[in-house]
Amino acid sequence: MEWIILVFIGLIASSLGSLIGLGGGIIIVPALLFLGTLPAFGHLPPQVAVGTSLFTMIFTGLSSTLAYMKYKTIDYKSGLIFLIGSGPGSMLGAYVTEGLNMHSFNLFFGIFIIFISLVLLIKDKLKPVPYQKKKGLTRTFRDNTGKTFEYGFNPIIGILISFAVGFLSGVFGVGGGSLMVPTMILIFFFPPHVAVATSMFMILPTSILSSVTHISLGNVNWFYALALVPGAWIGAKVGVFFNSKLKSKTIVLILRIILVLVGIRSIYQGLIG
């Protein structure tokens, strides 16, 4: 029964994560912490929940990247530039997690995911504005309808922002896309589908780097991880399929409500501890 529950969590988390570029960790971490309060699963420290989530996201990122490659919506050059910052940031974040006890983690994680729910509130309202050429990297993208988009960013600013995003990803075990996607759309003028696809491409190496750190610290529950991986692999492909077929407003609304409730619960647990 425990295996079935974990596979289902991986499936749901990965489907939603790859659909809107979150990565799935924003759902897996609170789910694992909740399961850790049940007798059938046993106690689960936040460090292990984070490490296990990040290991699972390796397969979410790989599956999503392979699927998005078929739609040709990944901006590899921009993604690799962002990785210069997000890679080291995620490894640093993994070490910082070691200093948090359960109550501190619950408090900070609750605040973080409520913030993410607010980001999701404005995410669907973000649209690429006409790009004005400035000093920096300029990119062009042509979608399936033949429409061409032009966008760009200052590489230094991109690396600094992605470092901060990678750091938060390593601390809380979530995909950095929850912050990186709106940033790419609002500040760097990315088309939304390109932002989501590029975000999932970044999650793969970022998760590998932070997972290596967590594995070295003994923060991965291998039984949970191996149960989550099959669902994460399949769910990522499901999310990519629906990303190309429909608007995700309803799903984002439901997810935002869930995140607010989970965030309030997490903050409450942190405060009463």
Protein backbone atom coordinates (compact mmCIF):
# COMPACT_ATOMS: atom_id res chain seq x y z
CA MET A 1 0.00 0.00 0.00
CA GLU A 2 2.83 2.42 0.86
CA TRP A 3 4.39 1.81 -2.56
CA ILE A 4 1.11 2.55 -4.38
CA ILE A 5 0.62 5.80 -2.44
CA LEU A 6 4.14 6.97 -3.26
CA VAL A 7 3.81 6.11 -6.97
CA PHE A 8 0.55 8.08 -7.07
CA ILE A 9 2.17 11.09 -5.37
CA GLY A 10 5.03 11.00 -7.88
CA LEU A 11 2.55 10.83 -10.76
CA ILE A 12 0.43 13.78 -9.60
CA ALA A 13 3.39 15.94 -8.56
CA SER A 14 5.30 15.37 -11.77
CA SER A 15 2.25 15.90 -14.00
CA LEU A 16 1.49 19.28 -12.43
CA GLY A 17 5.16 20.19 -12.19
CA SER A 18 6.00 19.62 -15.85
CA LEU A 19 2.70 21.17 -16.98
CA ILE A 20 3.49 24.57 -15.49
CA GLY A 21 7.27 24.28 -15.03
CA LEU A 22 7.40 23.75 -11.24
CA GLY A 23 9.23 20.44 -11.21
CA GLY A 24 6.96 18.68 -8.72
CA GLY A 25 8.97 19.13 -5.52
CA ILE A 26 6.54 21.75 -4.24
CA ILE A 27 4.06 18.87 -3.87
CA ILE A 28 6.39 15.97 -3.03
CA VAL A 29 8.08 17.63 -0.04
CA PRO A 30 4.91 18.47 1.95
CA ALA A 31 3.42 15.10 0.96
CA LEU A 32 6.45 13.25 2.36
CA LEU A 33 6.46 15.35 5.53
CA PHE A 34 2.76 14.53 6.03
CA LEU A 35 3.33 10.82 5.41
CA GLY A 36 6.13 10.95 7.96
CA THR A 37 3.52 11.70 10.64
CA LEU A 38 1.62 8.47 9.89
CA PRO A 39 2.49 5.21 11.72
CA ALA A 40 2.72 3.23 8.46
CA PHE A 41 5.55 5.43 7.16
CA GLY A 42 7.46 6.49 10.25
CA HIS A 43 9.25 9.75 11.08
CA LEU A 44 10.84 11.58 8.16
CA PRO A 45 13.22 14.52 8.83
CA PRO A 46 12.89 17.54 6.50
CA GLN A 47 16.41 16.95 5.17
CA VAL A 48 15.41 13.48 3.94
CA ALA A 49 12.16 14.80 2.44
CA VAL A 50 14.16 17.44 0.53
CA GLY A 51 16.90 15.04 -0.58
CA THR A 52 14.40 12.40 -1.70
CA SER A 53 12.35 15.00 -3.59
CA LEU A 54 15.40 16.33 -5.44
CA PHE A 55 16.50 12.83 -6.41
CA THR A 56 13.02 12.16 -7.83
CA MET A 57 13.16 15.38 -9.83
CA ILE A 58 16.16 14.10 -11.74
CA PHE A 59 13.76 11.75 -13.53
CA THR A 60 11.03 14.39 -13.82
CA GLY A 61 13.54 16.72 -15.45
CA LEU A 62 14.92 14.01 -17.76
CA SER A 63 11.50 12.79 -18.85
CA SER A 64 10.22 16.35 -19.41
CA THR A 65 13.34 17.39 -21.30
CA LEU A 66 13.12 14.42 -23.68
CA ALA A 67 9.45 15.21 -24.30
CA TYR A 68 9.97 18.97 -24.81
CA MET A 69 12.82 18.23 -27.23
CA LYS A 70 10.21 16.80 -29.59
CA TYR A 71 8.27 20.07 -29.51
CA LYS A 72 11.51 22.06 -29.97
CA THR A 73 10.59 24.57 -27.26
CA ILE A 74 13.78 24.40 -25.17
CA ASP A 75 16.21 27.31 -25.34
CA TYR A 76 19.39 25.34 -24.62
CA LYS A 77 21.80 28.27 -24.78
CA SER A 78 19.86 30.35 -22.25
CA GLY A 79 19.32 27.31 -20.03
CA LEU A 80 23.05 26.55 -19.91
CA ILE A 81 23.81 30.17 -19.00
CA PHE A 82 21.29 30.05 -16.16
CA LEU A 83 22.84 26.78 -14.97
CA ILE A 84 26.11 28.57 -14.25
CA GLY A 85 24.25 30.14 -11.34
CA SER A 86 21.62 27.55 -10.41
CA GLY A 87 24.07 24.64 -10.17
CA PRO A 88 26.31 26.06 -7.41
CA GLY A 89 23.27 27.68 -5.77
CA SER A 90 21.49 24.33 -5.44
CA MET A 91 24.55 22.68 -3.87
CA LEU A 92 24.92 25.50 -1.34
CA GLY A 93 21.22 25.25 -0.52
CA ALA A 94 21.56 21.52 0.16
CA TYR A 95 24.17 22.22 2.84
CA VAL A 96 22.08 25.00 4.40
CA THR A 97 19.18 22.56 4.86
CA GLU A 98 21.32 20.62 7.33
CA GLY A 99 21.06 23.49 9.81
CA LEU A 100 17.25 23.50 9.92
CA ASN A 101 15.25 21.49 12.43
CA MET A 102 11.69 20.33 11.71
CA HIS A 103 10.00 23.38 13.22
CA SER A 104 12.27 25.90 11.48
CA PHE A 105 11.89 24.07 8.18
CA ASN A 106 8.08 23.97 8.49
CA LEU A 107 7.95 27.70 9.20
CA PHE A 108 10.24 28.76 6.34
CA PHE A 109 8.79 26.22 3.92
CA GLY A 110 5.25 27.38 4.68
CA ILE A 111 6.17 31.00 4.00
CA PHE A 112 7.95 29.95 0.81
CA ILE A 113 5.08 27.98 -0.71
CA ILE A 114 2.53 30.69 0.13
CA PHE A 115 4.84 33.05 -1.74
CA ILE A 116 4.90 30.59 -4.64
CA SER A 117 1.09 30.52 -4.63
CA LEU A 118 1.13 34.31 -5.00
CA VAL A 119 3.60 33.98 -7.87
CA LEU A 120 1.22 31.52 -9.54
CA LEU A 121 -1.55 34.08 -9.08
CA ILE A 122 0.22 36.48 -11.43
CA LYS A 123 1.94 33.87 -13.59
CA ASP A 124 -0.98 33.42 -15.99
CA LYS A 125 -1.33 37.18 -16.30
CA LEU A 126 2.27 37.52 -17.48
CA LYS A 127 2.71 37.91 -21.19
CA PRO A 128 5.87 38.65 -23.15
CA VAL A 129 6.04 42.35 -23.89
CA PRO A 130 7.71 43.66 -27.05
CA TYR A 131 11.41 43.15 -26.59
CA GLN A 132 13.60 46.24 -26.89
CA LYS A 133 17.11 45.36 -27.96
CA LYS A 134 19.70 46.23 -25.35
CA LYS A 135 23.22 45.13 -24.54
CA GLY A 136 23.23 41.46 -23.76
CA LEU A 137 22.09 38.18 -25.28
CA THR A 138 19.33 38.30 -27.89
CA ARG A 139 17.36 35.15 -28.75
CA THR A 140 14.69 34.31 -31.33
CA PHE A 141 12.11 31.52 -31.26
CA ARG A 142 9.58 30.35 -33.85
CA ASP A 143 6.62 28.37 -32.53
CA ASN A 144 4.61 25.64 -34.27
CA THR A 145 2.35 28.20 -35.96
CA GLY A 146 5.31 29.99 -37.51
CA LYS A 147 5.09 33.03 -35.23
CA THR A 148 8.50 34.43 -34.29
CA PHE A 149 9.36 35.78 -30.83
CA GLU A 150 12.40 37.86 -29.95
CA TYR A 151 13.65 38.14 -26.39
CA GLY A 152 16.88 38.57 -24.47
CA PHE A 153 18.63 39.23 -21.18
CA ASN A 154 21.84 40.33 -19.55
CA PRO A 155 23.79 37.09 -18.84
CA ILE A 156 25.25 38.39 -15.55
CA ILE A 157 21.80 39.27 -14.20
CA GLY A 158 20.48 35.93 -15.43
CA ILE A 159 23.24 34.02 -13.61
CA LEU A 160 22.69 35.95 -10.36
CA ILE A 161 18.93 35.37 -10.41
CA SER A 162 19.36 31.69 -11.25
CA PHE A 163 21.85 31.32 -8.38
CA ALA A 164 19.20 32.58 -5.94
CA VAL A 165 16.59 30.29 -7.50
CA GLY A 166 18.97 27.30 -7.34
CA PHE A 167 19.73 28.06 -3.70
CA LEU A 168 16.03 28.00 -2.77
CA SER A 169 15.62 24.80 -4.76
CA GLY A 170 18.41 23.13 -2.79
CA VAL A 171 17.06 24.30 0.56
CA PHE A 172 13.42 23.32 0.06
CA GLY A 173 13.71 20.47 -2.46
CA VAL A 174 11.50 22.13 -5.05
CA GLY A 175 12.02 22.80 -8.72
CA GLY A 176 13.40 26.26 -9.32
CA GLY A 177 10.86 26.74 -12.10
CA SER A 178 8.33 28.08 -9.62
CA LEU A 179 10.40 31.27 -9.57
CA MET A 180 12.39 30.96 -12.79
CA VAL A 181 9.43 30.68 -15.16
CA PRO A 182 7.81 34.01 -14.12
CA THR A 183 11.25 35.65 -14.15
CA MET A 184 11.95 34.47 -17.69
CA ILE A 185 8.54 35.68 -18.88
CA LEU A 186 8.38 39.01 -17.06
CA ILE A 187 12.00 40.18 -17.01
CA PHE A 188 13.63 38.31 -19.90
CA PHE A 189 10.60 38.39 -22.30
CA PHE A 190 10.54 34.60 -22.90
CA PRO A 191 7.44 33.14 -24.62
CA PRO A 192 5.58 31.16 -21.90
CA HIS A 193 5.98 27.71 -23.51
CA VAL A 194 9.71 28.32 -24.00
CA ALA A 195 10.07 29.47 -20.39
CA VAL A 196 8.38 26.31 -19.06
CA ALA A 197 10.37 23.96 -21.33
CA THR A 198 13.69 25.68 -20.56
CA SER A 199 12.89 25.59 -16.85
CA MET A 200 12.35 21.81 -16.97
CA PHE A 201 15.61 21.45 -18.90
CA MET A 202 17.40 23.32 -16.10
CA ILE A 203 15.80 21.18 -13.39
CA LEU A 204 17.62 18.06 -14.65
CA PRO A 205 21.26 19.10 -14.01
CA THR A 206 20.33 21.26 -10.99
CA SER A 207 18.60 18.29 -9.35
CA ILE A 208 21.59 16.05 -10.12
CA LEU A 209 24.02 18.45 -8.45
CA SER A 210 21.91 19.04 -5.35
CA SER A 211 21.05 15.32 -5.13
CA VAL A 212 24.73 14.38 -5.13
CA THR A 213 25.18 16.72 -2.17
CA HIS A 214 22.17 15.28 -0.33
CA ILE A 215 23.26 11.70 -1.05
CA SER A 216 26.69 12.44 0.42
CA LEU A 217 24.92 13.77 3.53
CA GLY A 218 22.70 10.66 3.76
CA ASN A 219 19.52 12.59 3.03
CA VAL A 220 17.83 10.23 0.54
CA ASN A 221 15.33 7.56 1.56
CA TRP A 222 15.89 5.05 -1.22
CA PHE A 223 12.65 3.13 -0.68
CA TYR A 224 10.61 6.32 -1.05
CA ALA A 225 12.73 7.55 -3.96
CA LEU A 226 12.44 4.34 -5.98
CA ALA A 227 8.67 4.33 -5.40
CA LEU A 228 8.31 7.96 -6.51
CA VAL A 229 10.44 7.65 -9.66
CA PRO A 230 8.04 5.58 -11.85
CA GLY A 231 5.17 7.99 -11.21
CA ALA A 232 7.46 10.98 -11.76
CA TRP A 233 8.67 9.61 -15.10
CA ILE A 234 5.18 8.97 -16.45
CA GLY A 235 3.70 12.12 -14.92
CA ALA A 236 6.30 14.33 -16.59
CA LYS A 237 5.26 13.07 -20.02
CA VAL A 238 1.59 13.59 -19.15
CA GLY A 239 2.28 17.18 -18.08
CA VAL A 240 4.25 17.97 -21.23
CA PHE A 241 1.43 16.59 -23.41
CA PHE A 242 -1.20 18.76 -21.75
CA ASN A 243 1.13 21.78 -21.77
CA SER A 244 1.06 21.65 -25.56
CA LYS A 245 -2.70 21.05 -25.77
CA LEU A 246 -4.49 23.23 -23.26
CA LYS A 247 -4.36 26.27 -21.04
CA SER A 248 -3.56 25.41 -17.46
CA LYS A 249 -5.59 28.12 -15.67
CA THR A 250 -7.94 25.74 -13.87
CA ILE A 251 -5.12 23.44 -12.76
CA VAL A 252 -3.04 26.38 -11.56
CA LEU A 253 -6.04 27.68 -9.58
CA ILE A 254 -6.52 24.32 -7.84
CA LEU A 255 -2.80 23.98 -7.17
CA ARG A 256 -2.65 27.52 -5.75
CA ILE A 257 -5.47 26.78 -3.29
CA ILE A 258 -3.74 23.56 -2.20
CA LEU A 259 -0.44 25.38 -1.72
CA VAL A 260 -2.04 28.07 0.45
CA LEU A 261 -3.66 25.44 2.68
CA VAL A 262 -0.45 23.42 2.95
CA GLY A 263 1.54 26.60 3.59
CA ILE A 264 -0.76 27.69 6.43
CA ARG A 265 -0.58 24.22 7.97
CA SER A 266 3.21 24.18 7.69
CA ILE A 267 3.57 27.63 9.30
CA TYR A 268 1.21 26.60 12.10
CA GLN A 269 3.27 23.47 12.80
CA GLY A 270 6.43 25.53 12.80
CA LEU A 271 5.03 28.08 15.25
CA ILE A 272 3.51 25.65 17.74
CA GLY A 273 6.73 23.62 17.82
